């Protein structure tokens, strides 16, 4: 008759401990989310430095247009567009951007990555083949932290200047009152955490990225 209270006491302590750890990690996650959202780029910090190449990551509105504009403004001699749908040619991309393909056709390369990890890997390959030492990275503001994390860990010897693009439909100010923006930022934050943990594990176990060896 004395065992039941002891069991209930033990179960209660375990429940409290579990509740404490859940509360701790939820608080830690929420604090990280607030910091992540608060530190998203609000402008292009460096608008004047020229680089060897411009790298555009497809997937968000305005990215390709921004990259083409930088190229036409002679901010770099080459441009690489990563994440293009397979089968699409450079001329098609330029037509979509309302640019004359003949003017820029020789300066642009394309890759067919399907995620940010592969964006960095195929950009590394392209940069190595073209002897690129510095790039201006063009992607959406909310995607920039994860993109920079992947690129800095893969293109370790290449200077990377972030060039965020801002969409009117993404409301970074008071993002928590806009359901669509909230979902986007929370999703991107969770992906950033996973990417950070993956790179941390890679460094701990001294695993190199799967890059091409020429």
C-alpha atoms as a PDB file:
ATOM      1  CA  UNK A   1       0.000   0.000   0.000  1.00  0.00           C
ATOM      2  CA  UNK A   2       2.970   2.282   0.374  1.00  0.00           C
ATOM      3  CA  UNK A   3       4.232   1.781  -3.204  1.00  0.00           C
ATOM      4  CA  UNK A   4       1.468   3.627  -5.045  1.00  0.00           C
ATOM      5  CA  UNK A   5       2.168   7.057  -3.483  1.00  0.00           C
ATOM      6  CA  UNK A   6       5.891   6.611  -4.186  1.00  0.00           C
ATOM      7  CA  UNK A   7       5.107   5.761  -7.809  1.00  0.00           C
ATOM      8  CA  UNK A   8       2.805   8.739  -8.132  1.00  0.00           C
ATOM      9  CA  UNK A   9       5.455  10.979  -6.554  1.00  0.00           C
ATOM     10  CA  UNK A  10       8.096   9.707  -8.990  1.00  0.00           C
ATOM     11  CA  UNK A  11       5.787  10.108 -11.967  1.00  0.00           C
ATOM     12  CA  UNK A  12       4.961  13.625 -10.851  1.00  0.00           C
ATOM     13  CA  UNK A  13       8.636  14.562 -10.592  1.00  0.00           C
ATOM     14  CA  UNK A  14       9.302  13.153 -14.044  1.00  0.00           C
ATOM     15  CA  UNK A  15       6.395  15.136 -15.433  1.00  0.00           C
ATOM     16  CA  UNK A  16       7.687  18.333 -13.867  1.00  0.00           C
ATOM     17  CA  UNK A  17      11.170  17.688 -15.239  1.00  0.00           C
ATOM     18  CA  UNK A  18       9.788  17.009 -18.711  1.00  0.00           C
ATOM     19  CA  UNK A  19       7.615  20.124 -18.520  1.00  0.00           C
ATOM     20  CA  UNK A  20      10.654  22.171 -17.465  1.00  0.00           C
ATOM     21  CA  UNK A  21      12.778  20.973 -20.397  1.00  0.00           C
ATOM     22  CA  UNK A  22       9.957  21.511 -22.888  1.00  0.00           C
ATOM     23  CA  UNK A  23       9.409  25.011 -21.539  1.00  0.00           C
ATOM     24  CA  UNK A  24      13.137  25.722 -21.640  1.00  0.00           C
ATOM     25  CA  UNK A  25      13.549  24.667 -25.266  1.00  0.00           C
ATOM     26  CA  UNK A  26      10.379  26.450 -26.375  1.00  0.00           C
ATOM     27  CA  UNK A  27      11.627  29.644 -24.719  1.00  0.00           C
ATOM     28  CA  UNK A  28      15.062  29.196 -26.288  1.00  0.00           C
ATOM     29  CA  UNK A  29      13.495  28.568 -29.711  1.00  0.00           C
ATOM     30  CA  UNK A  30      11.183  31.592 -29.399  1.00  0.00           C
ATOM     31  CA  UNK A  31      14.034  33.854 -28.329  1.00  0.00           C
ATOM     32  CA  UNK A  32      16.112  32.650 -31.265  1.00  0.00           C
ATOM     33  CA  UNK A  33      13.197  33.239 -33.629  1.00  0.00           C
ATOM     34  CA  UNK A  34      12.807  36.814 -32.424  1.00  0.00           C
ATOM     35  CA  UNK A  35      16.543  37.452 -32.830  1.00  0.00           C
ATOM     36  CA  UNK A  36      16.537  35.817 -36.287  1.00  0.00           C
ATOM     37  CA  UNK A  37      13.626  37.935 -37.506  1.00  0.00           C
ATOM     38  CA  UNK A  38      15.034  41.108 -35.951  1.00  0.00           C
ATOM     39  CA  UNK A  39      18.404  40.712 -37.661  1.00  0.00           C
ATOM     40  CA  UNK A  40      17.151  39.949 -41.169  1.00  0.00           C
ATOM     41  CA  UNK A  41      18.766  42.378 -43.634  1.00  0.00           C
ATOM     42  CA  UNK A  42      16.793  45.571 -44.078  1.00  0.00           C
ATOM     43  CA  UNK A  43      18.966  47.026 -46.823  1.00  0.00           C
ATOM     44  CA  UNK A  44      21.972  46.311 -49.026  1.00  0.00           C
ATOM     45  CA  UNK A  45      24.857  47.349 -46.777  1.00  0.00           C
ATOM     46  CA  UNK A  46      27.526  47.364 -49.506  1.00  0.00           C
ATOM     47  CA  UNK A  47      26.135  48.710 -52.779  1.00  0.00           C
ATOM     48  CA  UNK A  48      29.386  49.862 -54.375  1.00  0.00           C
ATOM     49  CA  UNK A  49      32.022  47.104 -54.141  1.00  0.00           C
ATOM     50  CA  UNK A  50      32.563  45.281 -57.408  1.00  0.00           C
ATOM     51  CA  UNK A  51      33.141  41.535 -57.431  1.00  0.00           C
ATOM     52  CA  UNK A  52      34.314  38.946 -59.931  1.00  0.00           C
ATOM     53  CA  UNK A  53      30.799  37.564 -60.273  1.00  0.00           C
ATOM     54  CA  UNK A  54      27.182  37.958 -59.271  1.00  0.00           C
ATOM     55  CA  UNK A  55      25.404  34.844 -58.021  1.00  0.00           C
ATOM     56  CA  UNK A  56      21.609  34.746 -58.104  1.00  0.00           C
ATOM     57  CA  UNK A  57      19.633  32.090 -56.242  1.00  0.00           C
ATOM     58  CA  UNK A  58      16.266  31.543 -57.882  1.00  0.00           C
ATOM     59  CA  UNK A  59      13.065  30.978 -55.924  1.00  0.00           C
ATOM     60  CA  UNK A  60      11.873  34.445 -54.953  1.00  0.00           C
ATOM     61  CA  UNK A  61      10.435  37.411 -56.794  1.00  0.00           C
ATOM     62  CA  UNK A  62      12.843  40.102 -57.939  1.00  0.00           C
ATOM     63  CA  UNK A  63      16.027  38.086 -57.551  1.00  0.00           C
ATOM     64  CA  UNK A  64      16.804  37.589 -61.235  1.00  0.00           C
ATOM     65  CA  UNK A  65      15.906  41.175 -62.091  1.00  0.00           C
ATOM     66  CA  UNK A  66      18.212  42.436 -59.345  1.00  0.00           C
ATOM     67  CA  UNK A  67      21.056  40.254 -60.572  1.00  0.00           C
ATOM     68  CA  UNK A  68      20.648  41.340 -64.198  1.00  0.00           C
ATOM     69  CA  UNK A  69      20.546  44.977 -63.128  1.00  0.00           C
ATOM     70  CA  UNK A  70      23.791  44.556 -61.201  1.00  0.00           C
ATOM     71  CA  UNK A  71      25.383  42.918 -64.238  1.00  0.00           C
ATOM     72  CA  UNK A  72      24.263  45.680 -66.599  1.00  0.00           C
ATOM     73  CA  UNK A  73      25.604  48.233 -64.090  1.00  0.00           C
ATOM     74  CA  UNK A  74      29.040  46.569 -64.433  1.00  0.00           C
ATOM     75  CA  UNK A  75      29.174  45.452 -60.809  1.00  0.00           C
ATOM     76  CA  UNK A  76      30.766  42.222 -62.074  1.00  0.00           C
ATOM     77  CA  UNK A  77      31.895  40.727 -65.361  1.00  0.00           C
ATOM     78  CA  UNK A  78      29.999  37.446 -64.941  1.00  0.00           C
ATOM     79  CA  UNK A  79      26.775  36.150 -63.416  1.00  0.00           C
ATOM     80  CA  UNK A  80      25.788  32.673 -62.287  1.00  0.00           C
ATOM     81  CA  UNK A  81      22.097  31.805 -61.796  1.00  0.00           C
ATOM     82  CA  UNK A  82      21.709  28.808 -59.495  1.00  0.00           C
ATOM     83  CA  UNK A  83      18.509  26.810 -59.148  1.00  0.00           C
ATOM     84  CA  UNK A  84      17.139  27.148 -62.675  1.00  0.00           C
ATOM     85  CA  UNK A  85      14.499  24.658 -63.800  1.00  0.00           C
ATOM     86  CA  UNK A  86      16.095  22.006 -65.971  1.00  0.00           C
ATOM     87  CA  UNK A  87      15.654  22.657 -69.673  1.00  0.00           C
ATOM     88  CA  UNK A  88      15.533  26.450 -69.375  1.00  0.00           C
ATOM     89  CA  UNK A  89      18.235  28.299 -71.306  1.00  0.00           C
ATOM     90  CA  UNK A  90      19.974  31.579 -70.486  1.00  0.00           C
ATOM     91  CA  UNK A  91      18.139  33.341 -73.318  1.00  0.00           C
ATOM     92  CA  UNK A  92      14.806  32.295 -71.809  1.00  0.00           C
ATOM     93  CA  UNK A  93      15.819  33.666 -68.429  1.00  0.00           C
ATOM     94  CA  UNK A  94      16.799  36.980 -69.948  1.00  0.00           C
ATOM     95  CA  UNK A  95      13.541  37.174 -71.876  1.00  0.00           C
ATOM     96  CA  UNK A  96      11.694  36.625 -68.605  1.00  0.00           C
ATOM     97  CA  UNK A  97      13.709  39.502 -67.184  1.00  0.00           C
ATOM     98  CA  UNK A  98      12.860  41.635 -70.243  1.00  0.00           C
ATOM     99  CA  UNK A  99      16.503  41.915 -71.245  1.00  0.00           C
ATOM    100  CA  UNK A 100      18.047  41.477 -74.685  1.00  0.00           C
ATOM    101  CA  UNK A 101      19.695  38.015 -74.576  1.00  0.00           C
ATOM    102  CA  UNK A 102      22.349  39.010 -77.128  1.00  0.00           C
ATOM    103  CA  UNK A 103      23.704  41.706 -74.811  1.00  0.00           C
ATOM    104  CA  UNK A 104      24.371  39.410 -71.838  1.00  0.00           C
ATOM    105  CA  UNK A 105      24.352  35.871 -73.179  1.00  0.00           C
ATOM    106  CA  UNK A 106      28.119  35.408 -73.019  1.00  0.00           C
ATOM    107  CA  UNK A 107      28.371  36.564 -69.412  1.00  0.00           C
ATOM    108  CA  UNK A 108      25.876  34.266 -67.691  1.00  0.00           C
ATOM    109  CA  UNK A 109      26.100  30.678 -66.499  1.00  0.00           C
ATOM    110  CA  UNK A 110      23.284  28.620 -65.037  1.00  0.00           C
ATOM    111  CA  UNK A 111      22.965  25.725 -62.612  1.00  0.00           C
ATOM    112  CA  UNK A 112      20.095  23.421 -61.714  1.00  0.00           C
ATOM    113  CA  UNK A 113      20.328  23.070 -57.934  1.00  0.00           C
ATOM    114  CA  UNK A 114      17.141  22.114 -56.112  1.00  0.00           C
ATOM    115  CA  UNK A 115      18.000  23.439 -52.653  1.00  0.00           C
ATOM    116  CA  UNK A 116      20.295  25.879 -50.868  1.00  0.00           C
ATOM    117  CA  UNK A 117      22.906  23.226 -50.087  1.00  0.00           C
ATOM    118  CA  UNK A 118      23.262  22.405 -53.777  1.00  0.00           C
ATOM    119  CA  UNK A 119      23.189  26.129 -54.633  1.00  0.00           C
ATOM    120  CA  UNK A 120      26.409  26.517 -52.687  1.00  0.00           C
ATOM    121  CA  UNK A 121      27.989  23.350 -54.078  1.00  0.00           C
ATOM    122  CA  UNK A 122      27.323  24.098 -57.735  1.00  0.00           C
ATOM    123  CA  UNK A 123      28.372  27.710 -57.260  1.00  0.00           C
ATOM    124  CA  UNK A 124      31.656  26.461 -55.804  1.00  0.00           C
ATOM    125  CA  UNK A 125      32.206  24.309 -58.885  1.00  0.00           C
ATOM    126  CA  UNK A 126      31.367  27.173 -61.254  1.00  0.00           C
ATOM    127  CA  UNK A 127      33.528  29.653 -59.323  1.00  0.00           C
ATOM    128  CA  UNK A 128      36.469  27.239 -59.343  1.00  0.00           C
ATOM    129  CA  UNK A 129      36.126  26.639 -63.090  1.00  0.00           C
ATOM    130  CA  UNK A 130      35.975  30.389 -63.738  1.00  0.00           C
ATOM    131  CA  UNK A 131      38.688  31.392 -61.233  1.00  0.00           C
ATOM    132  CA  UNK A 132      36.257  33.520 -59.217  1.00  0.00           C
ATOM    133  CA  UNK A 133      37.621  35.034 -56.010  1.00  0.00           C
ATOM    134  CA  UNK A 134      34.687  37.206 -54.961  1.00  0.00           C
ATOM    135  CA  UNK A 135      30.915  37.131 -55.468  1.00  0.00           C
ATOM    136  CA  UNK A 136      27.891  39.281 -54.765  1.00  0.00           C
ATOM    137  CA  UNK A 137      25.162  36.936 -53.521  1.00  0.00           C
ATOM    138  CA  UNK A 138      21.618  37.857 -54.561  1.00  0.00           C
ATOM    139  CA  UNK A 139      18.678  36.257 -52.785  1.00  0.00           C
ATOM    140  CA  UNK A 140      15.637  37.275 -50.752  1.00  0.00           C
ATOM    141  CA  UNK A 141      16.261  38.983 -47.434  1.00  0.00           C
ATOM    142  CA  UNK A 142      14.559  36.246 -45.406  1.00  0.00           C
ATOM    143  CA  UNK A 143      16.688  33.602 -47.175  1.00  0.00           C
ATOM    144  CA  UNK A 144      19.994  35.467 -46.844  1.00  0.00           C
ATOM    145  CA  UNK A 145      21.068  34.168 -43.378  1.00  0.00           C
ATOM    146  CA  UNK A 146      20.788  30.515 -44.433  1.00  0.00           C
ATOM    147  CA  UNK A 147      22.276  31.208 -47.857  1.00  0.00           C
ATOM    148  CA  UNK A 148      25.271  32.961 -46.284  1.00  0.00           C
ATOM    149  CA  UNK A 149      25.697  30.088 -43.822  1.00  0.00           C
ATOM    150  CA  UNK A 150      25.815  27.531 -46.635  1.00  0.00           C
ATOM    151  CA  UNK A 151      28.007  29.637 -48.921  1.00  0.00           C
ATOM    152  CA  UNK A 152      30.514  30.687 -46.256  1.00  0.00           C
ATOM    153  CA  UNK A 153      30.951  27.047 -45.222  1.00  0.00           C
ATOM    154  CA  UNK A 154      31.365  25.839 -48.808  1.00  0.00           C
ATOM    155  CA  UNK A 155      33.144  28.729 -50.563  1.00  0.00           C
ATOM    156  CA  UNK A 156      35.597  29.256 -47.723  1.00  0.00           C
ATOM    157  CA  UNK A 157      38.258  31.090 -49.761  1.00  0.00           C
ATOM    158  CA  UNK A 158      35.863  33.330 -51.697  1.00  0.00           C
ATOM    159  CA  UNK A 159      34.748  36.779 -50.589  1.00  0.00           C
ATOM    160  CA  UNK A 160      30.935  36.936 -50.390  1.00  0.00           C
ATOM    161  CA  UNK A 161      29.028  40.219 -50.355  1.00  0.00           C
ATOM    162  CA  UNK A 162      25.336  39.799 -49.479  1.00  0.00           C
ATOM    163  CA  UNK A 163      22.882  41.603 -51.734  1.00  0.00           C
ATOM    164  CA  UNK A 164      19.396  40.983 -50.293  1.00  0.00           C
ATOM    165  CA  UNK A 165      16.252  41.487 -52.361  1.00  0.00           C
ATOM    166  CA  UNK A 166      13.039  42.711 -50.766  1.00  0.00           C
ATOM    167  CA  UNK A 167       9.565  41.623 -51.795  1.00  0.00           C
ATOM    168  CA  UNK A 168       6.483  43.753 -51.202  1.00  0.00           C
ATOM    169  CA  UNK A 169       4.526  40.691 -50.093  1.00  0.00           C
ATOM    170  CA  UNK A 170       6.987  39.887 -47.276  1.00  0.00           C
ATOM    171  CA  UNK A 171       6.322  42.248 -44.364  1.00  0.00           C
ATOM    172  CA  UNK A 172       9.492  42.142 -42.288  1.00  0.00           C
ATOM    173  CA  UNK A 173       8.369  44.951 -40.001  1.00  0.00           C
ATOM    174  CA  UNK A 174       5.854  43.640 -37.455  1.00  0.00           C
ATOM    175  CA  UNK A 175       6.102  40.289 -39.186  1.00  0.00           C
ATOM    176  CA  UNK A 176       4.126  38.577 -36.421  1.00  0.00           C
ATOM    177  CA  UNK A 177       0.842  40.268 -37.455  1.00  0.00           C
ATOM    178  CA  UNK A 178       1.084  38.984 -41.038  1.00  0.00           C
ATOM    179  CA  UNK A 179       0.281  35.234 -41.123  1.00  0.00           C
ATOM    180  CA  UNK A 180       1.963  34.620 -44.487  1.00  0.00           C
ATOM    181  CA  UNK A 181       5.182  36.360 -43.450  1.00  0.00           C
ATOM    182  CA  UNK A 182       5.098  34.673 -40.040  1.00  0.00           C
ATOM    183  CA  UNK A 183       4.889  31.220 -41.627  1.00  0.00           C
ATOM    184  CA  UNK A 184       7.702  32.114 -44.026  1.00  0.00           C
ATOM    185  CA  UNK A 185      10.061  33.416 -41.335  1.00  0.00           C
ATOM    186  CA  UNK A 186       9.333  30.556 -38.925  1.00  0.00           C
ATOM    187  CA  UNK A 187       9.977  28.024 -41.689  1.00  0.00           C
ATOM    188  CA  UNK A 188      13.206  29.756 -42.701  1.00  0.00           C
ATOM    189  CA  UNK A 189      14.332  29.965 -39.075  1.00  0.00           C
ATOM    190  CA  UNK A 190      13.789  26.236 -38.558  1.00  0.00           C
ATOM    191  CA  UNK A 191      15.744  25.486 -41.745  1.00  0.00           C
ATOM    192  CA  UNK A 192      18.523  27.775 -40.549  1.00  0.00           C
ATOM    193  CA  UNK A 193      18.765  25.898 -37.237  1.00  0.00           C
ATOM    194  CA  UNK A 194      19.010  22.550 -39.035  1.00  0.00           C
ATOM    195  CA  UNK A 195      21.654  23.922 -41.401  1.00  0.00           C
ATOM    196  CA  UNK A 196      23.644  25.350 -38.489  1.00  0.00           C
ATOM    197  CA  UNK A 197      23.524  22.031 -36.632  1.00  0.00           C
ATOM    198  CA  UNK A 198      24.565  20.158 -39.781  1.00  0.00           C
ATOM    199  CA  UNK A 199      27.603  22.395 -40.289  1.00  0.00           C
ATOM    200  CA  UNK A 200      28.469  22.152 -36.594  1.00  0.00           C
ATOM    201  CA  UNK A 201      28.395  18.343 -36.823  1.00  0.00           C
ATOM    202  CA  UNK A 202      30.420  18.458 -40.027  1.00  0.00           C
ATOM    203  CA  UNK A 203      33.134  20.506 -38.313  1.00  0.00           C
ATOM    204  CA  UNK A 204      33.142  18.342 -35.186  1.00  0.00           C
ATOM    205  CA  UNK A 205      33.555  15.172 -37.242  1.00  0.00           C
ATOM    206  CA  UNK A 206      35.806  16.925 -39.810  1.00  0.00           C
ATOM    207  CA  UNK A 207      33.595  16.063 -42.782  1.00  0.00           C
ATOM    208  CA  UNK A 208      34.259  18.106 -45.922  1.00  0.00           C
ATOM    209  CA  UNK A 209      31.480  19.266 -48.273  1.00  0.00           C
ATOM    210  CA  UNK A 210      30.925  17.061 -51.329  1.00  0.00           C
ATOM    211  CA  UNK A 211      32.614  19.354 -53.817  1.00  0.00           C
ATOM    212  CA  UNK A 212      34.064  18.503 -57.176  1.00  0.00           C
ATOM    213  CA  UNK A 213      37.802  17.897 -57.396  1.00  0.00           C
ATOM    214  CA  UNK A 214      39.416  19.016 -60.632  1.00  0.00           C
END
